[in-house]
């Protein structure tokens, strides 16, 4: 196992992929959407708390946090002080790359949001996001969930922190997953996304962070060394 330190994480990643494929095959998206939607739309769509706090506020906070991570490359704080500058740069860039990956996938998507479906007062028909090249009659651009990436993009931090503090990495992972799911449920209630969109966003962000960590470790193993405080030997 020491020869293949990422083996377990790789298996976990593939199992998560299989579960997501199973979710889509079983058609669980529409039944969940119907819990919040009506033939006249989604009652929670314009709810002030969901719109201004959970959507706009969370998105703005995420961008602020990303700026902080880039600033911390030069001026680290907290557990980030235990990372080399290279690892701090990896963290900031991997978070940004995760958000960009989700955004690019959304731009190429022909899948429309639940609130665009005829069943919920829109014009589109339901088409699986795996039916590539098949339009649903709506505006598209809804897969995966961009808003959930405001939290899930930070999954990259788990891969960096696990090398210097497994406990901090576990806490980071738990907080990010809870926040990402909370943002996903918020959008589900508003009719902005199906639950699978949120889950796929988590998987994409996880894979991007994982891949960048593997690449950095392979091509620059010096970044593995944690920073030792100057007073450690005194």
C-alpha atoms as a PDB file:
ATOM      1  CA  UNK A   1       0.000   0.000   0.000  1.00  0.00           C
ATOM      2  CA  UNK A   2       2.959   2.341   0.565  1.00  0.00           C
ATOM      3  CA  UNK A   3       3.936   1.840  -3.077  1.00  0.00           C
ATOM      4  CA  UNK A   4       0.499   3.002  -4.158  1.00  0.00           C
ATOM      5  CA  UNK A   5      -0.446   5.672  -1.583  1.00  0.00           C
ATOM      6  CA  UNK A   6      -3.427   6.847  -3.638  1.00  0.00           C
ATOM      7  CA  UNK A   7      -4.873   3.393  -4.285  1.00  0.00           C
ATOM      8  CA  UNK A   8      -7.684   3.625  -1.741  1.00  0.00           C
ATOM      9  CA  UNK A   9      -8.641   7.103  -2.833  1.00  0.00           C
ATOM     10  CA  UNK A  10      -8.659   5.928  -6.440  1.00  0.00           C
ATOM     11  CA  UNK A  11     -10.971   3.034  -5.591  1.00  0.00           C
ATOM     12  CA  UNK A  12     -13.241   5.388  -3.630  1.00  0.00           C
ATOM     13  CA  UNK A  13     -13.360   7.730  -6.621  1.00  0.00           C
ATOM     14  CA  UNK A  14     -14.396   4.913  -8.965  1.00  0.00           C
ATOM     15  CA  UNK A  15     -17.028   3.662  -6.525  1.00  0.00           C
ATOM     16  CA  UNK A  16     -18.474   7.159  -6.316  1.00  0.00           C
ATOM     17  CA  UNK A  17     -18.576   7.274 -10.116  1.00  0.00           C
ATOM     18  CA  UNK A  18     -20.460   3.971 -10.222  1.00  0.00           C
ATOM     19  CA  UNK A  19     -22.941   5.257  -7.637  1.00  0.00           C
ATOM     20  CA  UNK A  20     -23.556   8.397  -9.677  1.00  0.00           C
ATOM     21  CA  UNK A  21     -24.139   6.361 -12.823  1.00  0.00           C
ATOM     22  CA  UNK A  22     -26.562   4.223 -10.855  1.00  0.00           C
ATOM     23  CA  UNK A  23     -28.406   7.308  -9.609  1.00  0.00           C
ATOM     24  CA  UNK A  24     -29.015   8.440 -13.172  1.00  0.00           C
ATOM     25  CA  UNK A  25     -29.970   4.958 -14.382  1.00  0.00           C
ATOM     26  CA  UNK A  26     -32.596   4.701 -11.627  1.00  0.00           C
ATOM     27  CA  UNK A  27     -34.062   8.089 -12.539  1.00  0.00           C
ATOM     28  CA  UNK A  28     -34.059   9.590  -9.053  1.00  0.00           C
ATOM     29  CA  UNK A  29     -33.762  13.216 -10.174  1.00  0.00           C
ATOM     30  CA  UNK A  30     -37.366  13.907 -11.161  1.00  0.00           C
ATOM     31  CA  UNK A  31     -38.999  12.377  -8.064  1.00  0.00           C
ATOM     32  CA  UNK A  32     -36.833  14.587  -5.854  1.00  0.00           C
ATOM     33  CA  UNK A  33     -37.546  17.651  -7.978  1.00  0.00           C
ATOM     34  CA  UNK A  34     -41.264  17.014  -7.585  1.00  0.00           C
ATOM     35  CA  UNK A  35     -40.916  17.336  -3.810  1.00  0.00           C
ATOM     36  CA  UNK A  36     -40.218  21.051  -4.253  1.00  0.00           C
ATOM     37  CA  UNK A  37     -41.896  21.800  -7.579  1.00  0.00           C
ATOM     38  CA  UNK A  38     -45.505  22.269  -8.639  1.00  0.00           C
ATOM     39  CA  UNK A  39     -47.210  22.657 -12.037  1.00  0.00           C
ATOM     40  CA  UNK A  40     -46.951  26.409 -11.394  1.00  0.00           C
ATOM     41  CA  UNK A  41     -43.239  26.438 -10.647  1.00  0.00           C
ATOM     42  CA  UNK A  42     -41.117  26.270  -7.517  1.00  0.00           C
ATOM     43  CA  UNK A  43     -42.561  28.226  -4.564  1.00  0.00           C
ATOM     44  CA  UNK A  44     -39.111  28.661  -3.015  1.00  0.00           C
ATOM     45  CA  UNK A  45     -37.516  30.043  -6.195  1.00  0.00           C
ATOM     46  CA  UNK A  46     -37.556  33.690  -5.085  1.00  0.00           C
ATOM     47  CA  UNK A  47     -37.315  33.119  -1.336  1.00  0.00           C
ATOM     48  CA  UNK A  48     -35.175  36.026  -0.010  1.00  0.00           C
ATOM     49  CA  UNK A  49     -33.046  33.875   2.288  1.00  0.00           C
ATOM     50  CA  UNK A  50     -32.322  31.268  -0.375  1.00  0.00           C
ATOM     51  CA  UNK A  51     -31.616  33.876  -3.035  1.00  0.00           C
ATOM     52  CA  UNK A  52     -29.680  36.550  -1.167  1.00  0.00           C
ATOM     53  CA  UNK A  53     -27.944  34.516   1.542  1.00  0.00           C
ATOM     54  CA  UNK A  54     -27.598  30.932   0.339  1.00  0.00           C
ATOM     55  CA  UNK A  55     -27.068  31.834  -3.315  1.00  0.00           C
ATOM     56  CA  UNK A  56     -25.593  35.288  -3.782  1.00  0.00           C
ATOM     57  CA  UNK A  57     -24.016  35.530  -0.333  1.00  0.00           C
ATOM     58  CA  UNK A  58     -22.436  32.082  -0.471  1.00  0.00           C
ATOM     59  CA  UNK A  59     -21.068  32.723  -3.960  1.00  0.00           C
ATOM     60  CA  UNK A  60     -19.480  36.018  -2.929  1.00  0.00           C
ATOM     61  CA  UNK A  61     -18.017  34.468   0.206  1.00  0.00           C
ATOM     62  CA  UNK A  62     -16.507  31.685  -1.873  1.00  0.00           C
ATOM     63  CA  UNK A  63     -14.709  34.158  -4.136  1.00  0.00           C
ATOM     64  CA  UNK A  64     -13.411  36.042  -1.107  1.00  0.00           C
ATOM     65  CA  UNK A  65     -12.098  32.787   0.363  1.00  0.00           C
ATOM     66  CA  UNK A  66     -10.358  32.005  -2.923  1.00  0.00           C
ATOM     67  CA  UNK A  67      -8.635  35.399  -2.885  1.00  0.00           C
ATOM     68  CA  UNK A  68      -7.537  34.699   0.681  1.00  0.00           C
ATOM     69  CA  UNK A  69      -5.964  31.414  -0.429  1.00  0.00           C
ATOM     70  CA  UNK A  70      -3.977  33.186  -3.119  1.00  0.00           C
ATOM     71  CA  UNK A  71      -2.839  35.834  -0.633  1.00  0.00           C
ATOM     72  CA  UNK A  72      -1.852  33.019   1.757  1.00  0.00           C
ATOM     73  CA  UNK A  73       0.670  31.747  -0.786  1.00  0.00           C
ATOM     74  CA  UNK A  74       2.815  34.672   0.292  1.00  0.00           C
ATOM     75  CA  UNK A  75       1.435  35.268   3.804  1.00  0.00           C
ATOM     76  CA  UNK A  76       0.197  31.943   5.242  1.00  0.00           C
ATOM     77  CA  UNK A  77      -1.752  31.592   8.453  1.00  0.00           C
ATOM     78  CA  UNK A  78      -2.980  28.763  10.664  1.00  0.00           C
ATOM     79  CA  UNK A  79      -2.349  25.260   9.390  1.00  0.00           C
ATOM     80  CA  UNK A  80      -1.309  26.708   6.019  1.00  0.00           C
ATOM     81  CA  UNK A  81       1.999  27.692   7.634  1.00  0.00           C
ATOM     82  CA  UNK A  82       2.884  23.999   7.705  1.00  0.00           C
ATOM     83  CA  UNK A  83       2.661  23.777   3.938  1.00  0.00           C
ATOM     84  CA  UNK A  84       5.458  24.684   1.560  1.00  0.00           C
ATOM     85  CA  UNK A  85       4.819  27.629  -0.712  1.00  0.00           C
ATOM     86  CA  UNK A  86       4.428  25.172  -3.569  1.00  0.00           C
ATOM     87  CA  UNK A  87       1.675  23.301  -1.750  1.00  0.00           C
ATOM     88  CA  UNK A  88      -0.076  26.549  -0.866  1.00  0.00           C
ATOM     89  CA  UNK A  89       0.038  27.505  -4.534  1.00  0.00           C
ATOM     90  CA  UNK A  90      -1.320  24.059  -5.413  1.00  0.00           C
ATOM     91  CA  UNK A  91      -4.232  24.563  -3.042  1.00  0.00           C
ATOM     92  CA  UNK A  92      -5.226  27.955  -4.438  1.00  0.00           C
ATOM     93  CA  UNK A  93      -4.805  26.935  -8.075  1.00  0.00           C
ATOM     94  CA  UNK A  94      -6.610  23.608  -7.606  1.00  0.00           C
ATOM     95  CA  UNK A  95      -9.615  25.364  -6.063  1.00  0.00           C
ATOM     96  CA  UNK A  96      -9.713  27.767  -9.004  1.00  0.00           C
ATOM     97  CA  UNK A  97      -9.259  24.924 -11.512  1.00  0.00           C
ATOM     98  CA  UNK A  98     -12.127  22.965  -9.936  1.00  0.00           C
ATOM     99  CA  UNK A  99     -14.489  25.919 -10.229  1.00  0.00           C
ATOM    100  CA  UNK A 100     -13.424  26.527 -13.832  1.00  0.00           C
ATOM    101  CA  UNK A 101     -13.882  22.849 -14.757  1.00  0.00           C
ATOM    102  CA  UNK A 102     -17.483  22.910 -13.553  1.00  0.00           C
ATOM    103  CA  UNK A 103     -18.107  26.198 -15.361  1.00  0.00           C
ATOM    104  CA  UNK A 104     -16.763  24.819 -18.659  1.00  0.00           C
ATOM    105  CA  UNK A 105     -18.913  21.699 -18.380  1.00  0.00           C
ATOM    106  CA  UNK A 106     -21.971  23.866 -17.762  1.00  0.00           C
ATOM    107  CA  UNK A 107     -21.296  25.914 -20.881  1.00  0.00           C
ATOM    108  CA  UNK A 108     -21.190  22.755 -22.989  1.00  0.00           C
ATOM    109  CA  UNK A 109     -24.310  21.236 -21.413  1.00  0.00           C
ATOM    110  CA  UNK A 110     -27.653  20.983 -23.209  1.00  0.00           C
ATOM    111  CA  UNK A 111     -29.444  20.056 -19.986  1.00  0.00           C
ATOM    112  CA  UNK A 112     -31.968  22.614 -18.739  1.00  0.00           C
ATOM    113  CA  UNK A 113     -32.837  23.293 -15.108  1.00  0.00           C
ATOM    114  CA  UNK A 114     -35.901  21.798 -13.378  1.00  0.00           C
ATOM    115  CA  UNK A 115     -37.692  25.159 -13.405  1.00  0.00           C
ATOM    116  CA  UNK A 116     -37.478  25.078 -17.227  1.00  0.00           C
ATOM    117  CA  UNK A 117     -39.496  21.844 -17.507  1.00  0.00           C
ATOM    118  CA  UNK A 118     -43.083  21.829 -18.772  1.00  0.00           C
ATOM    119  CA  UNK A 119     -43.986  19.783 -15.711  1.00  0.00           C
ATOM    120  CA  UNK A 120     -43.063  22.779 -13.574  1.00  0.00           C
ATOM    121  CA  UNK A 121     -44.468  25.523 -15.776  1.00  0.00           C
ATOM    122  CA  UNK A 122     -41.586  25.844 -18.251  1.00  0.00           C
ATOM    123  CA  UNK A 123     -41.101  24.781 -21.871  1.00  0.00           C
ATOM    124  CA  UNK A 124     -38.535  21.970 -21.772  1.00  0.00           C
ATOM    125  CA  UNK A 125     -38.996  18.221 -21.490  1.00  0.00           C
ATOM    126  CA  UNK A 126     -36.881  16.032 -19.238  1.00  0.00           C
ATOM    127  CA  UNK A 127     -33.829  14.540 -20.965  1.00  0.00           C
ATOM    128  CA  UNK A 128     -31.028  12.796 -19.106  1.00  0.00           C
ATOM    129  CA  UNK A 129     -27.800  14.774 -19.083  1.00  0.00           C
ATOM    130  CA  UNK A 130     -26.175  11.633 -20.494  1.00  0.00           C
ATOM    131  CA  UNK A 131     -28.248  11.861 -23.674  1.00  0.00           C
ATOM    132  CA  UNK A 132     -25.455  13.773 -25.396  1.00  0.00           C
ATOM    133  CA  UNK A 133     -26.498  15.742 -28.444  1.00  0.00           C
ATOM    134  CA  UNK A 134     -30.193  15.553 -27.537  1.00  0.00           C
ATOM    135  CA  UNK A 135     -31.748  18.905 -26.703  1.00  0.00           C
ATOM    136  CA  UNK A 136     -34.651  19.206 -24.284  1.00  0.00           C
ATOM    137  CA  UNK A 137     -36.197  22.317 -25.800  1.00  0.00           C
ATOM    138  CA  UNK A 138     -34.964  24.558 -23.014  1.00  0.00           C
ATOM    139  CA  UNK A 139     -32.016  26.942 -22.597  1.00  0.00           C
ATOM    140  CA  UNK A 140     -29.593  24.256 -21.359  1.00  0.00           C
ATOM    141  CA  UNK A 141     -26.394  25.115 -19.495  1.00  0.00           C
ATOM    142  CA  UNK A 142     -27.536  23.608 -16.201  1.00  0.00           C
ATOM    143  CA  UNK A 143     -25.267  20.583 -15.718  1.00  0.00           C
ATOM    144  CA  UNK A 144     -23.401  20.216 -13.404  1.00  0.00           C
ATOM    145  CA  UNK A 145     -24.326  22.521 -10.505  1.00  0.00           C
ATOM    146  CA  UNK A 146     -22.208  25.638 -10.656  1.00  0.00           C
ATOM    147  CA  UNK A 147     -23.387  27.047  -7.344  1.00  0.00           C
ATOM    148  CA  UNK A 148     -22.422  23.909  -5.413  1.00  0.00           C
ATOM    149  CA  UNK A 149     -18.875  24.344  -6.739  1.00  0.00           C
ATOM    150  CA  UNK A 150     -18.674  27.434  -4.514  1.00  0.00           C
ATOM    151  CA  UNK A 151     -18.044  24.909  -1.740  1.00  0.00           C
ATOM    152  CA  UNK A 152     -17.002  21.698  -3.498  1.00  0.00           C
ATOM    153  CA  UNK A 153     -14.103  23.410  -5.297  1.00  0.00           C
ATOM    154  CA  UNK A 154     -12.405  23.492  -1.893  1.00  0.00           C
ATOM    155  CA  UNK A 155     -12.246  19.689  -1.776  1.00  0.00           C
ATOM    156  CA  UNK A 156      -8.761  20.219  -3.181  1.00  0.00           C
ATOM    157  CA  UNK A 157      -7.714  21.276   0.297  1.00  0.00           C
ATOM    158  CA  UNK A 158      -8.137  17.740   1.594  1.00  0.00           C
ATOM    159  CA  UNK A 159      -5.383  16.415  -0.661  1.00  0.00           C
ATOM    160  CA  UNK A 160      -2.950  19.120   0.389  1.00  0.00           C
ATOM    161  CA  UNK A 161      -3.660  19.103   4.120  1.00  0.00           C
ATOM    162  CA  UNK A 162      -3.605  15.314   4.528  1.00  0.00           C
ATOM    163  CA  UNK A 163       0.169  15.410   4.132  1.00  0.00           C
ATOM    164  CA  UNK A 164       0.753  17.673   7.120  1.00  0.00           C
ATOM    165  CA  UNK A 165      -2.313  17.137   9.328  1.00  0.00           C
ATOM    166  CA  UNK A 166      -4.732  14.249   8.734  1.00  0.00           C
ATOM    167  CA  UNK A 167      -7.031  15.687  11.403  1.00  0.00           C
ATOM    168  CA  UNK A 168      -7.181  19.102   9.733  1.00  0.00           C
ATOM    169  CA  UNK A 169      -7.726  17.404   6.372  1.00  0.00           C
ATOM    170  CA  UNK A 170     -10.629  15.368   7.751  1.00  0.00           C
ATOM    171  CA  UNK A 171     -12.247  18.443   9.292  1.00  0.00           C
ATOM    172  CA  UNK A 172     -11.753  20.394   6.072  1.00  0.00           C
ATOM    173  CA  UNK A 173     -13.311  17.566   4.053  1.00  0.00           C
ATOM    174  CA  UNK A 174     -16.315  17.282   6.349  1.00  0.00           C
ATOM    175  CA  UNK A 175     -17.004  21.026   6.367  1.00  0.00           C
ATOM    176  CA  UNK A 176     -16.721  21.305   2.583  1.00  0.00           C
ATOM    177  CA  UNK A 177     -19.055  18.353   2.004  1.00  0.00           C
ATOM    178  CA  UNK A 178     -21.672  19.716   4.404  1.00  0.00           C
ATOM    179  CA  UNK A 179     -21.527  23.191   2.860  1.00  0.00           C
ATOM    180  CA  UNK A 180     -21.635  21.832  -0.678  1.00  0.00           C
ATOM    181  CA  UNK A 181     -24.646  19.657   0.034  1.00  0.00           C
ATOM    182  CA  UNK A 182     -26.382  22.555   1.790  1.00  0.00           C
ATOM    183  CA  UNK A 183     -25.888  24.755  -1.270  1.00  0.00           C
ATOM    184  CA  UNK A 184     -27.065  21.916  -3.510  1.00  0.00           C
ATOM    185  CA  UNK A 185     -30.240  21.372  -1.497  1.00  0.00           C
ATOM    186  CA  UNK A 186     -30.874  25.124  -1.608  1.00  0.00           C
ATOM    187  CA  UNK A 187     -30.784  25.079  -5.395  1.00  0.00           C
ATOM    188  CA  UNK A 188     -32.874  21.919  -5.453  1.00  0.00           C
ATOM    189  CA  UNK A 189     -35.585  23.702  -3.458  1.00  0.00           C
ATOM    190  CA  UNK A 190     -35.469  26.658  -5.835  1.00  0.00           C
ATOM    191  CA  UNK A 191     -35.716  24.414  -8.910  1.00  0.00           C
ATOM    192  CA  UNK A 192     -32.301  25.482 -10.178  1.00  0.00           C
ATOM    193  CA  UNK A 193     -30.754  21.993 -10.227  1.00  0.00           C
ATOM    194  CA  UNK A 194     -31.409  18.295  -9.879  1.00  0.00           C
ATOM    195  CA  UNK A 195     -29.672  16.529  -7.017  1.00  0.00           C
ATOM    196  CA  UNK A 196     -27.470  14.589  -9.435  1.00  0.00           C
ATOM    197  CA  UNK A 197     -26.109  17.911 -10.677  1.00  0.00           C
ATOM    198  CA  UNK A 198     -24.869  18.641  -7.161  1.00  0.00           C
ATOM    199  CA  UNK A 199     -23.386  15.175  -6.717  1.00  0.00           C
ATOM    200  CA  UNK A 200     -21.613  15.353 -10.070  1.00  0.00           C
ATOM    201  CA  UNK A 201     -20.162  18.723  -9.133  1.00  0.00           C
ATOM    202  CA  UNK A 202     -18.690  17.170  -5.997  1.00  0.00           C
ATOM    203  CA  UNK A 203     -17.206  14.324  -8.048  1.00  0.00           C
ATOM    204  CA  UNK A 204     -15.722  16.624 -10.681  1.00  0.00           C
ATOM    205  CA  UNK A 205     -14.145  18.879  -8.060  1.00  0.00           C
ATOM    206  CA  UNK A 206     -12.793  15.852  -6.194  1.00  0.00           C
ATOM    207  CA  UNK A 207     -11.226  14.444  -9.374  1.00  0.00           C
ATOM    208  CA  UNK A 208      -9.649  17.769 -10.323  1.00  0.00           C
ATOM    209  CA  UNK A 209      -8.131  18.194  -6.874  1.00  0.00           C
ATOM    210  CA  UNK A 210      -6.964  14.568  -6.825  1.00  0.00           C
ATOM    211  CA  UNK A 211      -5.431  14.741 -10.306  1.00  0.00           C
ATOM    212  CA  UNK A 212      -3.559  17.962  -9.560  1.00  0.00           C
ATOM    213  CA  UNK A 213      -2.229  16.501  -6.314  1.00  0.00           C
ATOM    214  CA  UNK A 214      -0.968  13.371  -8.077  1.00  0.00           C
ATOM    215  CA  UNK A 215       0.658  15.456 -10.818  1.00  0.00           C
ATOM    216  CA  UNK A 216       2.351  17.852  -8.402  1.00  0.00           C
ATOM    217  CA  UNK A 217       3.618  15.018  -6.220  1.00  0.00           C
ATOM    218  CA  UNK A 218       4.990  13.077  -9.180  1.00  0.00           C
ATOM    219  CA  UNK A 219       6.773  15.953 -10.909  1.00  0.00           C
ATOM    220  CA  UNK A 220       7.851  17.909  -7.841  1.00  0.00           C
ATOM    221  CA  UNK A 221       8.219  15.576  -4.835  1.00  0.00           C
ATOM    222  CA  UNK A 222       9.987  18.313  -2.826  1.00  0.00           C
ATOM    223  CA  UNK A 223       6.594  19.857  -2.176  1.00  0.00           C
ATOM    224  CA  UNK A 224       5.794  16.877   0.036  1.00  0.00           C
ATOM    225  CA  UNK A 225       8.044  18.138   2.791  1.00  0.00           C
ATOM    226  CA  UNK A 226       6.077  20.021   5.463  1.00  0.00           C
ATOM    227  CA  UNK A 227       7.398  23.298   6.795  1.00  0.00           C
ATOM    228  CA  UNK A 228       9.133  22.885  10.150  1.00  0.00           C
ATOM    229  CA  UNK A 229       8.718  25.891  12.481  1.00  0.00           C
ATOM    230  CA  UNK A 230      11.965  27.703  13.239  1.00  0.00           C
ATOM    231  CA  UNK A 231      11.641  26.990  16.982  1.00  0.00           C
ATOM    232  CA  UNK A 232      11.101  23.235  16.475  1.00  0.00           C
ATOM    233  CA  UNK A 233      14.710  22.373  17.238  1.00  0.00           C
ATOM    234  CA  UNK A 234      15.098  24.666  20.240  1.00  0.00           C
END
